[in-house]
Every structure is written in C-alpha cells, then in structure tokens.
C-alpha cells in the first residue's frame, strides 16, 4: 500500500488549485485593508486581522500540498502538513478568542445601555415630579352646577 502512495503525484492539477487560492488571497488582503478603516473595536480588529494574515499564510501551503507536493518527497510533504495543522490550530484559537472578545464587548455594551436607561428613567421621573409640583394644589377647578353665570342677570329679573 505504501508503494501505491509513493507512486502517485499531486492530488489535483495546479491550474485547478491556484486560481481559487489566489482569489481567496485577494479577498483576505482586501478584508484586512477594509478592517483598518472600519468602525469596530480595536480588540476585534486585531483578532480578525491576525486571523486573516494566518489564513493568507495558509494559502500557499495548501496549494503546495494539493497541487505541487506529493508523498514521493516525504520530508517536505510531512513538514508542510505539520505547518498546516499548526496554522489551522492557531485559527481555531483565534476564533475562540474572537468569540470570547465578542461576549465581553456585548456585556460592556449591555452595561452601557442599562446605565443609559437608568439615566433616562431618572430624567423622566424628575420631569414628572416637576410637572406634578407645578400644578396648583388648591381646591381644584371651580365647578358650576347651574347654567347661569354670575355676570349675567338672572331670568327672574333680579339681577
């Protein structure tokens, strides 16, 4: 069985592997540049920039593994696989850091919103207290039970 593996060449032709890898590399480079200008927290920018750079480093290794290298040259082939596994492990760790960072940022934002809500609630309560205190505390509005006014003469002519 090992003789069969040693006799085979690359898994895929280079013309099939290189263009998608090149396009992904361009996309990742554009993403890193866009992150510079984006309005995102600095911690998120650092984590995602690092992850994108790791993915860009991974691209040529994958092209080598699938389109250039083969088991006929075992030392560089195995070394490249070890590098790929290390970089994939680094990506997993960066993804976990991104998750934890997003949870931390969400908690901070939630606390900010709660504090803002408390301030607004206090302002609304103060506004209602001012309106309540501004109302006259006297006997209230005068109510007339008859249809006549004191300024008008009574109908019986006593006026």
C-alpha atoms as a PDB file:
ATOM      1  CA  UNK A   1       0.000   0.000   0.000  1.00  0.00           C
ATOM      2  CA  UNK A   2       2.803   2.430   0.782  1.00  0.00           C
ATOM      3  CA  UNK A   3       4.247   1.727  -2.683  1.00  0.00           C
ATOM      4  CA  UNK A   4       0.977   2.880  -4.216  1.00  0.00           C
ATOM      5  CA  UNK A   5       1.050   6.154  -2.289  1.00  0.00           C
ATOM      6  CA  UNK A   6       4.683   6.820  -3.215  1.00  0.00           C
ATOM      7  CA  UNK A   7       3.948   6.291  -6.922  1.00  0.00           C
ATOM      8  CA  UNK A   8       1.241   8.948  -7.073  1.00  0.00           C
ATOM      9  CA  UNK A   9       1.882  12.614  -7.793  1.00  0.00           C
ATOM     10  CA  UNK A  10      -0.024  15.698  -6.642  1.00  0.00           C
ATOM     11  CA  UNK A  11      -3.689  15.249  -5.760  1.00  0.00           C
ATOM     12  CA  UNK A  12      -5.005  17.985  -8.079  1.00  0.00           C
ATOM     13  CA  UNK A  13      -3.653  19.930 -11.047  1.00  0.00           C
ATOM     14  CA  UNK A  14      -2.123  23.328 -10.287  1.00  0.00           C
ATOM     15  CA  UNK A  15      -4.427  25.111 -12.744  1.00  0.00           C
ATOM     16  CA  UNK A  16      -7.403  23.958 -10.643  1.00  0.00           C
ATOM     17  CA  UNK A  17      -5.969  24.827  -7.222  1.00  0.00           C
ATOM     18  CA  UNK A  18      -4.106  28.092  -7.842  1.00  0.00           C
ATOM     19  CA  UNK A  19      -6.918  30.396  -9.109  1.00  0.00           C
ATOM     20  CA  UNK A  20      -9.290  29.898  -6.135  1.00  0.00           C
ATOM     21  CA  UNK A  21      -6.344  30.230  -3.740  1.00  0.00           C
ATOM     22  CA  UNK A  22      -5.285  33.437  -5.475  1.00  0.00           C
ATOM     23  CA  UNK A  23      -8.834  34.849  -5.329  1.00  0.00           C
ATOM     24  CA  UNK A  24      -9.100  33.985  -1.645  1.00  0.00           C
ATOM     25  CA  UNK A  25      -5.749  35.666  -1.035  1.00  0.00           C
ATOM     26  CA  UNK A  26      -7.012  38.851  -2.735  1.00  0.00           C
ATOM     27  CA  UNK A  27     -10.241  38.728  -0.755  1.00  0.00           C
ATOM     28  CA  UNK A  28      -8.349  38.340   2.538  1.00  0.00           C
ATOM     29  CA  UNK A  29      -5.995  41.204   1.668  1.00  0.00           C
ATOM     30  CA  UNK A  30      -8.985  43.440   0.846  1.00  0.00           C
ATOM     31  CA  UNK A  31     -10.626  42.416   4.117  1.00  0.00           C
ATOM     32  CA  UNK A  32      -7.513  43.339   6.119  1.00  0.00           C
ATOM     33  CA  UNK A  33      -7.385  46.738   4.386  1.00  0.00           C
ATOM     34  CA  UNK A  34     -11.103  47.296   4.977  1.00  0.00           C
ATOM     35  CA  UNK A  35     -10.690  46.450   8.660  1.00  0.00           C
ATOM     36  CA  UNK A  36      -8.243  49.350   9.012  1.00  0.00           C
ATOM     37  CA  UNK A  37     -10.962  51.831   8.092  1.00  0.00           C
ATOM     38  CA  UNK A  38     -13.898  50.057   9.722  1.00  0.00           C
ATOM     39  CA  UNK A  39     -15.585  51.410  12.810  1.00  0.00           C
ATOM     40  CA  UNK A  40     -15.011  48.351  15.002  1.00  0.00           C
ATOM     41  CA  UNK A  41     -13.477  47.935  18.448  1.00  0.00           C
ATOM     42  CA  UNK A  42      -9.690  47.710  18.363  1.00  0.00           C
ATOM     43  CA  UNK A  43      -9.622  44.282  20.008  1.00  0.00           C
ATOM     44  CA  UNK A  44     -11.906  42.866  17.302  1.00  0.00           C
ATOM     45  CA  UNK A  45      -9.786  44.493  14.591  1.00  0.00           C
ATOM     46  CA  UNK A  46      -6.563  42.955  15.963  1.00  0.00           C
ATOM     47  CA  UNK A  47      -8.006  39.445  16.293  1.00  0.00           C
ATOM     48  CA  UNK A  48      -9.589  39.423  12.838  1.00  0.00           C
ATOM     49  CA  UNK A  49      -6.548  40.963  11.162  1.00  0.00           C
ATOM     50  CA  UNK A  50      -4.339  38.304  12.728  1.00  0.00           C
ATOM     51  CA  UNK A  51      -6.708  35.534  11.662  1.00  0.00           C
ATOM     52  CA  UNK A  52      -6.786  36.871   8.098  1.00  0.00           C
ATOM     53  CA  UNK A  53      -2.991  37.001   7.939  1.00  0.00           C
ATOM     54  CA  UNK A  54      -2.793  33.419   9.226  1.00  0.00           C
ATOM     55  CA  UNK A  55      -5.256  32.363   6.504  1.00  0.00           C
ATOM     56  CA  UNK A  56      -3.132  34.176   3.916  1.00  0.00           C
ATOM     57  CA  UNK A  57      -0.075  32.265   5.144  1.00  0.00           C
ATOM     58  CA  UNK A  58      -2.049  29.045   4.889  1.00  0.00           C
ATOM     59  CA  UNK A  59      -2.942  29.509   1.190  1.00  0.00           C
ATOM     60  CA  UNK A  60       0.460  28.785  -0.392  1.00  0.00           C
ATOM     61  CA  UNK A  61       0.945  25.783   1.877  1.00  0.00           C
ATOM     62  CA  UNK A  62      -2.364  24.323   0.770  1.00  0.00           C
ATOM     63  CA  UNK A  63      -1.533  24.969  -2.884  1.00  0.00           C
ATOM     64  CA  UNK A  64       1.755  23.143  -2.370  1.00  0.00           C
ATOM     65  CA  UNK A  65       0.094  20.207  -0.602  1.00  0.00           C
ATOM     66  CA  UNK A  66      -2.669  19.663  -3.122  1.00  0.00           C
ATOM     67  CA  UNK A  67      -1.068  20.686  -6.417  1.00  0.00           C
ATOM     68  CA  UNK A  68       2.723  20.534  -6.143  1.00  0.00           C
ATOM     69  CA  UNK A  69       3.938  18.265  -3.346  1.00  0.00           C
ATOM     70  CA  UNK A  70       3.481  14.548  -3.159  1.00  0.00           C
ATOM     71  CA  UNK A  71       4.329  11.615  -0.961  1.00  0.00           C
ATOM     72  CA  UNK A  72       7.325  10.963  -3.235  1.00  0.00           C
ATOM     73  CA  UNK A  73       9.149  13.648  -1.241  1.00  0.00           C
ATOM     74  CA  UNK A  74       8.014  12.697   2.263  1.00  0.00           C
ATOM     75  CA  UNK A  75      10.076  15.109   4.373  1.00  0.00           C
ATOM     76  CA  UNK A  76       8.804  18.425   2.880  1.00  0.00           C
ATOM     77  CA  UNK A  77       5.355  16.925   2.405  1.00  0.00           C
ATOM     78  CA  UNK A  78       5.010  15.921   6.086  1.00  0.00           C
ATOM     79  CA  UNK A  79       6.637  19.176   7.267  1.00  0.00           C
ATOM     80  CA  UNK A  80       4.103  21.166   5.231  1.00  0.00           C
ATOM     81  CA  UNK A  81       1.224  19.161   6.705  1.00  0.00           C
ATOM     82  CA  UNK A  82       2.569  19.870  10.206  1.00  0.00           C
ATOM     83  CA  UNK A  83       2.691  23.592   9.372  1.00  0.00           C
ATOM     84  CA  UNK A  84      -0.860  23.466   8.020  1.00  0.00           C
ATOM     85  CA  UNK A  85      -2.142  21.715  11.153  1.00  0.00           C
ATOM     86  CA  UNK A  86      -0.364  24.270  13.340  1.00  0.00           C
ATOM     87  CA  UNK A  87      -1.871  27.178  11.421  1.00  0.00           C
ATOM     88  CA  UNK A  88      -5.343  25.610  11.484  1.00  0.00           C
ATOM     89  CA  UNK A  89      -4.957  25.134  15.241  1.00  0.00           C
ATOM     90  CA  UNK A  90      -3.947  28.801  15.505  1.00  0.00           C
ATOM     91  CA  UNK A  91      -7.083  29.750  13.549  1.00  0.00           C
ATOM     92  CA  UNK A  92      -9.245  27.746  15.944  1.00  0.00           C
ATOM     93  CA  UNK A  93      -7.661  29.526  18.910  1.00  0.00           C
ATOM     94  CA  UNK A  94      -8.162  32.909  17.232  1.00  0.00           C
ATOM     95  CA  UNK A  95     -11.810  32.037  16.542  1.00  0.00           C
ATOM     96  CA  UNK A  96     -12.298  31.164  20.223  1.00  0.00           C
ATOM     97  CA  UNK A  97     -10.627  34.432  21.223  1.00  0.00           C
ATOM     98  CA  UNK A  98     -12.976  36.263  18.872  1.00  0.00           C
ATOM     99  CA  UNK A  99     -15.979  34.575  20.474  1.00  0.00           C
ATOM    100  CA  UNK A 100     -14.794  35.475  23.979  1.00  0.00           C
ATOM    101  CA  UNK A 101     -13.988  39.018  22.900  1.00  0.00           C
ATOM    102  CA  UNK A 102     -17.438  39.433  21.330  1.00  0.00           C
ATOM    103  CA  UNK A 103     -19.054  38.177  24.535  1.00  0.00           C
ATOM    104  CA  UNK A 104     -17.010  40.699  26.536  1.00  0.00           C
ATOM    105  CA  UNK A 105     -17.922  43.534  24.159  1.00  0.00           C
ATOM    106  CA  UNK A 106     -21.601  42.568  24.295  1.00  0.00           C
ATOM    107  CA  UNK A 107     -21.516  42.566  28.101  1.00  0.00           C
ATOM    108  CA  UNK A 108     -19.909  46.015  28.126  1.00  0.00           C
ATOM    109  CA  UNK A 109     -22.463  47.350  25.647  1.00  0.00           C
ATOM    110  CA  UNK A 110     -25.311  45.862  27.681  1.00  0.00           C
ATOM    111  CA  UNK A 111     -23.985  47.585  30.839  1.00  0.00           C
ATOM    112  CA  UNK A 112     -23.678  50.893  28.967  1.00  0.00           C
ATOM    113  CA  UNK A 113     -27.250  50.586  27.721  1.00  0.00           C
ATOM    114  CA  UNK A 114     -28.524  49.752  31.213  1.00  0.00           C
ATOM    115  CA  UNK A 115     -26.756  52.796  32.633  1.00  0.00           C
ATOM    116  CA  UNK A 116     -28.182  54.985  29.879  1.00  0.00           C
ATOM    117  CA  UNK A 117     -31.642  53.546  30.560  1.00  0.00           C
ATOM    118  CA  UNK A 118     -31.268  54.331  34.294  1.00  0.00           C
ATOM    119  CA  UNK A 119     -30.301  57.934  33.489  1.00  0.00           C
ATOM    120  CA  UNK A 120     -33.265  58.322  31.148  1.00  0.00           C
ATOM    121  CA  UNK A 121     -35.582  56.823  33.758  1.00  0.00           C
ATOM    122  CA  UNK A 122     -34.304  59.347  36.343  1.00  0.00           C
ATOM    123  CA  UNK A 123     -34.808  62.219  33.891  1.00  0.00           C
ATOM    124  CA  UNK A 124     -38.363  61.074  33.138  1.00  0.00           C
ATOM    125  CA  UNK A 125     -39.160  60.737  36.852  1.00  0.00           C
ATOM    126  CA  UNK A 126     -37.718  64.213  37.524  1.00  0.00           C
ATOM    127  CA  UNK A 127     -39.785  65.640  34.651  1.00  0.00           C
ATOM    128  CA  UNK A 128     -42.990  64.090  36.052  1.00  0.00           C
ATOM    129  CA  UNK A 129     -42.178  65.370  39.554  1.00  0.00           C
ATOM    130  CA  UNK A 130     -41.667  68.907  38.188  1.00  0.00           C
ATOM    131  CA  UNK A 131     -44.993  68.804  36.352  1.00  0.00           C
ATOM    132  CA  UNK A 132     -46.779  67.424  39.394  1.00  0.00           C
ATOM    133  CA  UNK A 133     -45.230  70.077  41.639  1.00  0.00           C
ATOM    134  CA  UNK A 134     -46.109  72.855  39.166  1.00  0.00           C
ATOM    135  CA  UNK A 135     -49.820  72.018  39.280  1.00  0.00           C
ATOM    136  CA  UNK A 136     -51.833  74.169  41.725  1.00  0.00           C
ATOM    137  CA  UNK A 137     -52.566  72.363  44.941  1.00  0.00           C
ATOM    138  CA  UNK A 138     -55.659  74.458  45.742  1.00  0.00           C
ATOM    139  CA  UNK A 139     -59.240  73.300  45.764  1.00  0.00           C
ATOM    140  CA  UNK A 140     -59.034  72.440  42.122  1.00  0.00           C
ATOM    141  CA  UNK A 141     -61.111  73.865  39.272  1.00  0.00           C
ATOM    142  CA  UNK A 142     -64.346  75.687  40.012  1.00  0.00           C
ATOM    143  CA  UNK A 143     -67.372  73.694  39.012  1.00  0.00           C
ATOM    144  CA  UNK A 144     -70.705  75.290  38.316  1.00  0.00           C
ATOM    145  CA  UNK A 145     -73.789  73.278  38.688  1.00  0.00           C
ATOM    146  CA  UNK A 146     -76.122  75.766  37.005  1.00  0.00           C
ATOM    147  CA  UNK A 147     -76.094  77.089  33.501  1.00  0.00           C
ATOM    148  CA  UNK A 148     -76.083  80.727  34.627  1.00  0.00           C
ATOM    149  CA  UNK A 149     -73.099  82.939  35.059  1.00  0.00           C
ATOM    150  CA  UNK A 150     -72.712  85.435  37.909  1.00  0.00           C
ATOM    151  CA  UNK A 151     -72.145  88.244  35.401  1.00  0.00           C
ATOM    152  CA  UNK A 152     -75.434  87.564  33.604  1.00  0.00           C
ATOM    153  CA  UNK A 153     -78.697  88.782  35.103  1.00  0.00           C
ATOM    154  CA  UNK A 154     -80.981  86.092  36.368  1.00  0.00           C
ATOM    155  CA  UNK A 155     -84.039  85.298  34.306  1.00  0.00           C
ATOM    156  CA  UNK A 156     -86.417  86.424  37.010  1.00  0.00           C
ATOM    157  CA  UNK A 157     -85.080  89.969  36.604  1.00  0.00           C
ATOM    158  CA  UNK A 158     -83.351  90.251  39.964  1.00  0.00           C
ATOM    159  CA  UNK A 159     -80.015  90.894  38.522  1.00  0.00           C
END
